[in-house]
C-alpha atoms as a PDB file:
ATOM      1  CA  MET A   1      80.542  71.805  90.008  1.00  0.00           C
ATOM      2  CA  THR A   2      76.964  72.730  90.871  1.00  0.00           C
ATOM      3  CA  LEU A   3      74.336  72.486  88.147  1.00  0.00           C
ATOM      4  CA  PHE A   4      70.823  73.922  88.178  1.00  0.00           C
ATOM      5  CA  MET A   5      67.813  72.796  86.181  1.00  0.00           C
ATOM      6  CA  LYS A   6      64.970  75.052  85.090  1.00  0.00           C
ATOM      7  CA  GLU A   7      61.870  73.629  83.374  1.00  0.00           C
ATOM      8  CA  LYS A   8      59.613  75.338  80.839  1.00  0.00           C
ATOM      9  CA  ASP A   9      56.336  73.505  80.250  1.00  0.00           C
ATOM     10  CA  THR A  10      54.359  74.164  77.125  1.00  0.00           C
ATOM     11  CA  LEU A  11      51.374  72.315  75.764  1.00  0.00           C
ATOM     12  CA  PHE A  12      53.297  70.251  73.209  1.00  0.00           C
ATOM     13  CA  LYS A  13      56.887  70.225  74.462  1.00  0.00           C
ATOM     14  CA  ASP A  14      58.863  69.968  77.697  1.00  0.00           C
ATOM     15  CA  ARG A  15      62.094  71.917  77.837  1.00  0.00           C
ATOM     16  CA  PHE A  16      64.723  71.843  80.577  1.00  0.00           C
ATOM     17  CA  PHE A  17      67.770  74.050  80.834  1.00  0.00           C
ATOM     18  CA  VAL A  18      70.835  72.864  82.742  1.00  0.00           C
ATOM     19  CA  LYS A  19      72.816  75.867  83.957  1.00  0.00           C
ATOM     20  CA  ASP A  20      75.944  76.469  85.970  1.00  0.00           C
ATOM     21  CA  ALA A  21      76.280  78.674  89.070  1.00  0.00           C
ATOM     22  CA  PHE A  22      76.811  81.725  86.839  1.00  0.00           C
ATOM     23  CA  ASP A  23      73.483  81.164  85.003  1.00  0.00           C
ATOM     24  CA  ASN A  24      75.190  79.992  81.799  1.00  0.00           C
ATOM     25  CA  THR A  25      73.166  77.404  79.878  1.00  0.00           C
ATOM     26  CA  LEU A  26      75.241  74.236  79.505  1.00  0.00           C
ATOM     27  CA  PHE A  27      72.612  71.859  78.116  1.00  0.00           C
ATOM     28  CA  THR A  28      69.044  71.999  76.842  1.00  0.00           C
ATOM     29  CA  VAL A  29      66.817  68.932  77.117  1.00  0.00           C
ATOM     30  CA  GLU A  30      63.655  68.716  75.016  1.00  0.00           C
ATOM     31  CA  GLY A  31      60.874  66.154  75.003  1.00  0.00           C
ATOM     32  CA  LYS A  32      57.490  65.947  73.329  1.00  0.00           C
ATOM     33  CA  ASN A  33      54.437  65.664  75.599  1.00  0.00           C
ATOM     34  CA  PHE A  34      52.293  63.692  73.160  1.00  0.00           C
ATOM     35  CA  SER A  35      54.967  61.322  71.884  1.00  0.00           C
ATOM     36  CA  LEU A  36      54.455  57.581  72.303  1.00  0.00           C
ATOM     37  CA  SER A  37      58.188  56.925  72.315  1.00  0.00           C
ATOM     38  CA  LYS A  38      58.949  58.951  75.480  1.00  0.00           C
ATOM     39  CA  LYS A  39      62.085  60.499  74.005  1.00  0.00           C
ATOM     40  CA  LEU A  40      64.305  63.293  75.360  1.00  0.00           C
ATOM     41  CA  THR A  41      66.932  64.996  73.214  1.00  0.00           C
ATOM     42  CA  ILE A  42      69.970  66.641  74.860  1.00  0.00           C
ATOM     43  CA  TYR A  43      71.613  69.622  73.148  1.00  0.00           C
ATOM     44  CA  ASP A  44      74.776  71.538  74.014  1.00  0.00           C
ATOM     45  CA  SER A  45      74.950  75.327  74.365  1.00  0.00           C
ATOM     46  CA  LYS A  46      75.353  75.695  70.578  1.00  0.00           C
ATOM     47  CA  ASP A  47      72.177  73.644  69.880  1.00  0.00           C
ATOM     48  CA  ARG A  48      74.098  70.597  68.636  1.00  0.00           C
ATOM     49  CA  GLU A  49      72.454  67.270  69.472  1.00  0.00           C
ATOM     50  CA  LEU A  50      74.569  65.334  71.973  1.00  0.00           C
ATOM     51  CA  ALA A  51      72.372  62.372  72.883  1.00  0.00           C
ATOM     52  CA  VAL A  52      68.868  60.953  72.963  1.00  0.00           C
ATOM     53  CA  VAL A  53      67.316  59.193  75.962  1.00  0.00           C
ATOM     54  CA  GLN A  54      64.468  56.932  74.884  1.00  0.00           C
ATOM     55  CA  LYS A  55      62.194  54.678  76.934  1.00  0.00           C
ATOM     56  CA  LYS A  56      62.423  51.033  75.956  1.00  0.00           C
ATOM     57  CA  ALA A  57      59.173  49.278  75.156  1.00  0.00           C
ATOM     58  CA  PHE A  58      58.246  45.880  76.558  1.00  0.00           C
ATOM     59  CA  ALA A  59      60.300  46.101  79.753  1.00  0.00           C
ATOM     60  CA  LEU A  60      58.999  44.905  83.127  1.00  0.00           C
ATOM     61  CA  THR A  61      60.651  47.825  84.918  1.00  0.00           C
ATOM     62  CA  PRO A  62      61.315  51.248  83.382  1.00  0.00           C
ATOM     63  CA  LYS A  63      64.386  51.086  81.132  1.00  0.00           C
ATOM     64  CA  TYR A  64      65.875  53.803  78.982  1.00  0.00           C
ATOM     65  CA  ALA A  65      68.414  53.652  76.172  1.00  0.00           C
ATOM     66  CA  VAL A  66      70.986  56.428  75.793  1.00  0.00           C
ATOM     67  CA  LEU A  67      71.771  56.916  72.113  1.00  0.00           C
ATOM     68  CA  VAL A  68      74.668  58.873  70.629  1.00  0.00           C
ATOM     69  CA  GLU A  69      74.614  59.156  66.842  1.00  0.00           C
ATOM     70  CA  ASN A  70      71.829  56.507  66.775  1.00  0.00           C
ATOM     71  CA  GLU A  71      74.024  53.972  68.583  1.00  0.00           C
ATOM     72  CA  GLU A  72      73.088  52.759  72.080  1.00  0.00           C
ATOM     73  CA  VAL A  73      75.909  53.658  74.460  1.00  0.00           C
ATOM     74  CA  ALA A  74      74.177  53.018  77.786  1.00  0.00           C
ATOM     75  CA  GLU A  75      71.048  51.665  79.405  1.00  0.00           C
ATOM     76  CA  LEU A  76      69.391  53.218  82.417  1.00  0.00           C
ATOM     77  CA  SER A  77      67.111  51.212  84.687  1.00  0.00           C
ATOM     78  CA  LYS A  78      65.397  51.669  87.999  1.00  0.00           C
END
């Protein structure tokens, strides 16, 4: 499966659309530009929240927590 990402930058919010080869939107990812928490929210095609990716504070290297229903299910690191 091939996925495509298209970004829309606005002053206060970043928005990414993940689409398939037929230009159907599969996921929408939104983040706030002026947020201290560096948080991205992932929505499905029906605008239901699937997960949140949030940067962890106080880490020596960049680390991100993946949260589903406010429970950490994964950690991403460089």
